[in-house]
Amino acid sequence: MRRGSRLPDDQAEIVFSDIIIEQLEQFTEDQRIDVLAEIIHLCDDPGGKHPLHTPLSGWNTLDALGAEFRVVYKATVPGGVGLLEVLCIGPRSDSEVYDMAIGITRTGLLSEDEVTQLWEAIGLLDVMTEDIGLEGWDYRPAAASEGMRRAAVSSGLLSQDTANLLAKDELEAAMTSGWGPDGADPEKALLAALERARGSADFSVRKILEVRRDDRCGAFMVRTRSTCVRRAGHPGPHRSG
């Protein structure tokens, strides 16, 4: 995509090659955060620095880390849904990053299904979603089993409506920590579940539950072959379950 182009609704599925995940592991935590934040910003401005020419036609570059490095990526809109494929990162000097990109594309790495989605990459690189400008909890995870939900409700820990909105690990947290001196403590159970959802207690539990009740985005992502589970109208990157 050229400068000034936009992705539909400023949203995109973002996937990484294995190569760039390995490369980013060599950077410091602050550097990884900066690079990932710049990549996420491509959802708003996919034009990048400049489009490349043969043999890298269709690929583009993004300046990173004070313009000392460049990220090679491709922005497309298959099936009406934005897609950002991130190939590699390398030094800007001596065209090193371009030589690297040519070598990778010739192996066909990004033509395979085995690509890493942004949200998986964040976990692999041990980066918090909030550090790169994302709300990591604004999606609806797969519900826990019916048996677990029934057990949580019958024990008095959670309402049926709330239990239906929680993932298995969140429900386990509620059932483990939701007890007080007098037995089931619904407030304590809910806090434990949502602490698990966000990873800290610094958040509004009501907001998370409200967002999970919202309609889902549902955009079909061609690389992960799944629909987006974030709330409808979310900013930036799509997310699989």
Protein backbone atom coordinates (compact mmCIF):
# COMPACT_ATOMS: atom_id res chain seq x y z
CA MET A 1 0.00 0.00 0.00
CA ARG A 2 1.18 3.52 -0.79
CA ARG A 3 1.42 6.58 1.44
CA GLY A 4 -2.01 7.89 2.36
CA SER A 5 -3.75 4.55 1.85
CA ARG A 6 -6.01 3.24 4.60
CA LEU A 7 -7.06 -0.20 5.79
CA PRO A 8 -10.79 -0.95 6.27
CA ASP A 9 -11.87 0.66 9.55
CA ASP A 10 -8.14 1.06 10.43
CA GLN A 11 -8.11 -2.62 11.45
CA ALA A 12 -5.88 -5.51 10.41
CA GLU A 13 -4.87 -9.07 11.13
CA ILE A 14 -1.15 -8.86 12.01
CA VAL A 15 1.06 -11.92 11.52
CA PHE A 16 4.81 -12.44 11.93
CA SER A 17 7.33 -14.73 10.33
CA ASP A 18 9.34 -16.90 12.72
CA ILE A 19 12.42 -14.93 11.67
CA ILE A 20 11.31 -11.60 13.11
CA ILE A 21 10.22 -13.22 16.38
CA GLU A 22 13.75 -14.60 16.76
CA GLN A 23 15.24 -11.24 15.83
CA LEU A 24 13.13 -9.30 18.33
CA GLU A 25 14.19 -11.67 21.10
CA GLN A 26 17.69 -10.24 20.72
CA PHE A 27 16.54 -6.69 21.51
CA THR A 28 15.95 -5.19 24.96
CA GLU A 29 12.43 -5.14 26.38
CA ASP A 30 12.10 -1.39 25.73
CA GLN A 31 13.24 -1.85 22.14
CA ARG A 32 10.76 -4.67 21.58
CA ILE A 33 7.97 -2.48 22.94
CA ASP A 34 8.95 0.38 20.60
CA VAL A 35 9.08 -1.88 17.53
CA LEU A 36 5.76 -3.59 18.29
CA ALA A 37 4.08 -0.24 18.95
CA GLU A 38 5.28 1.02 15.55
CA ILE A 39 3.97 -2.13 13.85
CA ILE A 40 0.57 -1.73 15.52
CA HIS A 41 0.47 1.90 14.34
CA LEU A 42 0.50 0.56 10.76
CA CYS A 43 -3.19 -0.20 11.26
CA ASP A 44 -3.75 3.57 11.19
CA ASP A 45 -1.10 4.37 8.58
CA PRO A 46 -0.17 1.31 6.48
CA GLY A 47 1.82 3.31 3.93
CA GLY A 48 5.08 3.03 5.90
CA LYS A 49 8.31 4.55 4.63
CA HIS A 50 8.28 3.54 0.98
CA PRO A 51 7.23 0.58 -1.20
CA LEU A 52 10.03 -1.67 -2.41
CA HIS A 53 10.85 -2.67 -5.96
CA THR A 54 11.69 -5.98 -7.65
CA PRO A 55 12.51 -8.55 -6.27
CA LEU A 56 10.58 -7.24 -3.23
CA SER A 57 7.62 -5.78 -5.11
CA GLY A 58 4.57 -5.58 -2.86
CA TRP A 59 6.62 -5.22 0.31
CA ASN A 60 7.12 -2.01 2.24
CA THR A 61 9.38 -0.68 5.01
CA LEU A 62 8.84 0.90 8.40
CA ASP A 63 11.47 2.93 10.24
CA ALA A 64 12.11 1.75 13.82
CA LEU A 65 14.36 2.55 16.78
CA GLY A 66 15.32 6.03 15.73
CA ALA A 67 15.40 5.06 12.03
CA GLU A 68 18.48 2.91 12.67
CA PHE A 69 16.45 -0.19 11.78
CA ARG A 70 13.81 -0.99 9.22
CA VAL A 71 10.98 -3.47 9.37
CA VAL A 72 9.93 -5.14 6.11
CA TYR A 73 6.19 -5.83 5.87
CA LYS A 74 3.31 -6.16 3.45
CA ALA A 75 -0.13 -4.54 3.75
CA THR A 76 -3.02 -6.02 1.77
CA VAL A 77 -6.82 -6.30 1.99
CA PRO A 78 -7.80 -9.91 1.13
CA GLY A 79 -11.53 -10.50 1.33
CA GLY A 80 -12.09 -6.92 2.49
CA VAL A 81 -10.14 -7.41 5.74
CA GLY A 82 -6.81 -5.69 6.38
CA LEU A 83 -3.74 -7.92 6.63
CA LEU A 84 -0.24 -6.92 7.78
CA GLU A 85 2.45 -9.56 7.21
CA VAL A 86 5.66 -8.67 9.06
CA LEU A 87 8.74 -10.30 7.56
CA CYS A 88 11.95 -9.15 9.29
CA ILE A 89 13.85 -6.32 10.93
CA GLY A 90 17.40 -5.28 10.23
CA PRO A 91 19.91 -2.41 10.18
CA ARG A 92 19.12 0.35 7.74
CA SER A 93 22.77 0.77 6.72
CA ASP A 94 24.30 -1.03 3.71
CA SER A 95 20.87 -2.36 2.63
CA GLU A 96 21.37 -5.29 5.03
CA VAL A 97 17.67 -5.58 5.81
CA TYR A 98 16.79 -5.81 2.11
CA ASP A 99 19.27 -8.57 1.45
CA MET A 100 17.80 -10.41 4.41
CA ALA A 101 14.24 -9.92 3.15
CA ILE A 102 15.11 -11.20 -0.33
CA GLY A 103 16.59 -14.35 1.18
CA ILE A 104 13.52 -14.96 3.33
CA THR A 105 10.96 -14.42 0.57
CA ARG A 106 12.81 -16.85 -1.66
CA THR A 107 12.31 -19.58 0.95
CA GLY A 108 8.56 -18.93 0.94
CA LEU A 109 8.28 -18.71 4.74
CA LEU A 110 5.23 -16.48 4.73
CA SER A 111 3.49 -18.62 2.13
CA GLU A 112 2.91 -21.29 4.78
CA ASP A 113 0.10 -21.42 7.33
CA GLU A 114 2.59 -21.51 10.20
CA VAL A 115 2.68 -17.80 11.00
CA THR A 116 2.50 -16.18 14.43
CA GLN A 117 -0.36 -13.82 15.15
CA LEU A 118 0.39 -10.56 16.95
CA TRP A 119 -1.20 -11.70 20.21
CA GLU A 120 0.87 -14.88 20.24
CA ALA A 121 3.99 -12.87 19.45
CA ILE A 122 3.35 -10.60 22.43
CA GLY A 123 3.34 -13.64 24.69
CA LEU A 124 6.46 -15.13 23.12
CA LEU A 125 8.30 -11.83 23.56
CA ASP A 126 7.02 -11.38 27.13
CA VAL A 127 5.50 -7.94 26.49
CA MET A 128 2.39 -6.59 28.24
CA THR A 129 -0.39 -5.53 25.90
CA GLU A 130 -0.84 -2.24 27.74
CA ASP A 131 2.81 -1.35 27.10
CA ILE A 132 2.20 -1.27 23.35
CA GLY A 133 -1.13 0.52 23.44
CA LEU A 134 -3.52 -2.44 23.40
CA GLU A 135 -6.34 -3.50 25.68
CA GLY A 136 -5.59 -7.15 26.13
CA TRP A 137 -8.93 -7.93 27.74
CA ASP A 138 -11.38 -6.44 25.20
CA TYR A 139 -12.28 -9.78 23.66
CA ARG A 140 -14.62 -12.61 24.54
CA PRO A 141 -12.68 -15.85 25.16
CA ALA A 142 -14.09 -19.32 24.63
CA ALA A 143 -16.46 -20.14 27.48
CA ALA A 144 -15.57 -22.70 30.14
CA SER A 145 -17.28 -26.09 30.02
CA GLU A 146 -20.94 -26.26 30.98
CA GLY A 147 -20.08 -28.41 34.00
CA MET A 148 -17.63 -25.82 35.37
CA ARG A 149 -20.14 -23.03 34.86
CA ARG A 150 -22.87 -25.00 36.64
CA ALA A 151 -20.54 -25.76 39.55
CA ALA A 152 -19.59 -22.09 39.97
CA VAL A 153 -23.23 -21.01 39.91
CA SER A 154 -24.55 -23.74 42.21
CA SER A 155 -21.83 -22.97 44.76
CA GLY A 156 -23.00 -19.36 44.93
CA LEU A 157 -19.76 -17.91 43.61
CA LEU A 158 -21.09 -16.38 40.37
CA SER A 159 -24.30 -15.63 38.55
CA GLN A 160 -25.09 -17.66 35.44
CA ASP A 161 -24.69 -14.59 33.22
CA THR A 162 -21.22 -13.84 34.60
CA ALA A 163 -20.07 -17.46 34.46
CA ASN A 164 -21.03 -17.60 30.77
CA LEU A 165 -18.63 -14.72 30.05
CA LEU A 166 -15.56 -16.31 31.65
CA ALA A 167 -12.87 -18.54 30.16
CA LYS A 168 -11.80 -21.78 31.80
CA ASP A 169 -8.73 -20.31 33.55
CA GLU A 170 -10.75 -17.32 34.80
CA LEU A 171 -13.45 -19.57 36.18
CA GLU A 172 -10.80 -21.72 37.87
CA ALA A 173 -9.39 -18.59 39.53
CA ALA A 174 -12.86 -17.64 40.79
CA MET A 175 -13.50 -21.13 42.17
CA THR A 176 -10.10 -21.26 43.85
CA SER A 177 -9.99 -17.79 45.40
CA GLY A 178 -13.65 -16.84 45.78
CA TRP A 179 -14.12 -17.97 49.33
CA GLY A 180 -14.33 -16.13 52.64
CA PRO A 181 -14.76 -17.10 56.31
CA ASP A 182 -18.49 -17.60 55.76
CA GLY A 183 -18.21 -19.55 52.50
CA ALA A 184 -18.76 -18.36 48.94
CA ASP A 185 -17.83 -14.71 48.40
CA PRO A 186 -19.18 -13.58 44.97
CA GLU A 187 -17.33 -10.27 45.01
CA LYS A 188 -14.03 -11.96 45.79
CA ALA A 189 -14.68 -14.62 43.13
CA LEU A 190 -15.40 -12.04 40.45
CA LEU A 191 -12.28 -10.05 41.33
CA ALA A 192 -10.11 -13.18 41.13
CA ALA A 193 -11.56 -14.06 37.72
CA LEU A 194 -11.02 -10.61 36.26
CA GLU A 195 -7.55 -10.31 37.78
CA ARG A 196 -6.77 -13.40 35.74
CA ALA A 197 -8.28 -11.78 32.65
CA ARG A 198 -6.17 -8.63 32.86
CA GLY A 199 -3.21 -9.78 34.91
CA SER A 200 -3.53 -7.12 37.62
CA ALA A 201 -6.12 -5.55 39.91
CA ASP A 202 -5.79 -2.07 38.34
CA PHE A 203 -8.92 -2.10 36.17
CA SER A 204 -12.68 -1.76 36.20
CA VAL A 205 -14.32 -5.19 36.47
CA ARG A 206 -17.59 -3.70 35.28
CA LYS A 207 -15.98 -2.40 32.09
CA ILE A 208 -14.53 -5.81 31.20
CA LEU A 209 -17.89 -7.52 31.69
CA GLU A 210 -19.68 -4.81 29.71
CA VAL A 211 -17.24 -5.17 26.82
CA ARG A 212 -17.66 -8.96 26.76
CA ARG A 213 -21.42 -8.47 26.38
CA ASP A 214 -20.89 -6.28 23.30
CA ASP A 215 -21.29 -7.63 19.78
CA ARG A 216 -18.17 -9.27 18.33
CA CYS A 217 -16.15 -7.91 15.40
CA GLY A 218 -16.41 -11.17 13.45
CA ALA A 219 -14.00 -10.18 10.64
CA PHE A 220 -12.63 -13.29 8.93
CA MET A 221 -8.81 -13.45 9.08
CA VAL A 222 -7.33 -15.30 6.12
CA ARG A 223 -4.02 -16.31 7.72
CA THR A 224 -5.37 -17.73 10.97
CA ARG A 225 -8.62 -18.86 9.31
CA SER A 226 -10.72 -17.61 12.18
CA THR A 227 -13.02 -14.73 13.02
CA CYS A 228 -12.02 -11.81 15.24
CA VAL A 229 -13.23 -12.14 18.83
CA ARG A 230 -12.62 -8.53 19.84
CA ARG A 231 -15.59 -6.23 20.33
CA ALA A 232 -17.25 -4.69 17.29
CA GLY A 233 -15.60 -1.43 16.25
CA HIS A 234 -12.37 -2.18 18.13
CA PRO A 235 -9.26 -0.17 17.23
CA GLY A 236 -6.28 -1.69 15.44
CA PRO A 237 -5.34 -5.39 15.36
CA HIS A 238 -7.88 -8.19 14.93
CA ARG A 239 -7.58 -11.16 17.30
CA SER A 240 -8.36 -14.86 17.02
CA GLY A 241 -9.71 -16.84 19.96
